[in-house]
Amino acid sequence: MQQDTLVARVSIDPWWNVNTIAEYLDMEKRQVRERITKSTDFPKPSTLKLGKTTSRARWKASEVIEWANTHFQRVSDDQEHRKSA
């Protein structure tokens, strides 16, 4: 999916599933499902109840983005230089 399309979807604060979160974070779906969403400080999911069935977990896009902004760190020039050396 194009980054522009993903950004456009964010503007209406949709509900994201694990696949969309993985795409946004540029991570494997398995890693998001097994590690990221289980983190104690990751936003809590919601489900849609339809009669006797319940949908899979969904997260508000804005909450996931806010979480990511507080957890990802920018790589400094020194860190990048040490990594390439």
Protein backbone atom coordinates (compact mmCIF):
# COMPACT_ATOMS: atom_id res chain seq x y z
CA MET A 1 0.00 0.00 0.00
CA GLN A 2 1.24 3.47 -0.79
CA GLN A 3 2.21 5.62 2.23
CA ASP A 4 -0.05 8.43 0.90
CA THR A 5 -3.04 6.11 1.00
CA LEU A 6 -2.26 5.08 4.56
CA VAL A 7 -1.90 8.72 5.67
CA ALA A 8 -5.23 9.56 4.03
CA ARG A 9 -6.89 6.78 6.01
CA VAL A 10 -5.45 8.16 9.25
CA SER A 11 -7.18 11.51 8.80
CA ILE A 12 -10.57 9.99 9.69
CA ASP A 13 -9.18 8.00 12.68
CA PRO A 14 -10.26 4.56 11.52
CA TRP A 15 -10.03 1.29 13.37
CA TRP A 16 -6.88 -0.66 12.48
CA ASN A 17 -6.32 -4.40 12.59
CA VAL A 18 -2.98 -6.17 13.16
CA ASN A 19 -2.22 -6.13 9.42
CA THR A 20 -2.59 -2.36 9.16
CA ILE A 21 -0.58 -1.77 12.34
CA ALA A 22 2.21 -3.97 10.99
CA GLU A 23 2.19 -2.05 7.73
CA TYR A 24 2.29 1.30 9.51
CA LEU A 25 5.12 0.23 11.84
CA ASP A 26 6.94 -1.55 8.99
CA MET A 27 7.07 -4.76 11.00
CA GLU A 28 6.07 -8.38 10.51
CA LYS A 29 2.44 -9.17 11.36
CA ARG A 30 3.53 -11.97 13.70
CA GLN A 31 5.78 -9.62 15.66
CA VAL A 32 2.97 -7.06 16.02
CA ARG A 33 0.43 -9.73 17.04
CA GLU A 34 2.70 -11.58 19.48
CA ARG A 35 4.76 -8.76 20.98
CA ILE A 36 3.58 -5.22 20.23
CA THR A 37 -0.14 -5.64 20.93
CA LYS A 38 0.66 -7.58 24.12
CA SER A 39 2.80 -4.76 25.51
CA THR A 40 1.24 -3.39 28.69
CA ASP A 41 1.39 0.19 27.44
CA PHE A 42 0.05 -0.49 23.94
CA PRO A 43 -3.50 0.87 23.40
CA LYS A 44 -6.26 -1.49 24.40
CA PRO A 45 -8.19 -3.10 21.53
CA SER A 46 -11.91 -3.00 20.90
CA THR A 47 -14.17 -5.58 19.31
CA LEU A 48 -17.51 -5.27 17.59
CA LYS A 49 -20.18 -7.59 18.95
CA LEU A 50 -22.61 -8.81 16.31
CA GLY A 51 -25.15 -11.06 17.98
CA LYS A 52 -23.35 -14.17 19.21
CA THR A 53 -20.16 -13.44 17.30
CA THR A 54 -17.40 -10.98 18.08
CA SER A 55 -15.07 -9.41 15.55
CA ARG A 56 -11.31 -9.57 15.80
CA ALA A 57 -9.53 -6.89 17.80
CA ARG A 58 -9.22 -3.40 16.34
CA TRP A 59 -7.29 -0.34 17.54
CA LYS A 60 -7.90 3.36 16.95
CA ALA A 61 -5.33 4.60 14.45
CA SER A 62 -4.66 7.79 16.41
CA GLU A 63 -3.85 5.80 19.57
CA VAL A 64 -1.45 3.50 17.71
CA ILE A 65 0.29 6.48 16.10
CA GLU A 66 0.58 8.26 19.44
CA TRP A 67 2.05 5.09 21.01
CA ALA A 68 4.54 4.72 18.13
CA ASN A 69 5.61 8.36 18.44
CA THR A 70 6.48 7.82 22.10
CA HIS A 71 8.32 4.53 21.54
CA PHE A 72 10.35 5.06 18.40
CA GLN A 73 13.57 7.03 18.77
CA ARG A 74 15.29 8.96 16.03
CA VAL A 75 18.73 7.65 15.17
CA SER A 76 21.37 10.25 15.89
CA ASP A 77 24.25 10.90 13.50
CA ASP A 78 26.61 9.24 16.02
CA GLN A 79 24.47 6.10 16.25
CA GLU A 80 24.19 5.88 12.46
CA HIS A 81 27.95 6.35 12.07
CA ARG A 82 28.71 3.61 14.65
CA LYS A 83 26.26 1.24 12.98
CA SER A 84 27.90 1.62 9.56
CA ALA A 85 31.46 1.32 10.91
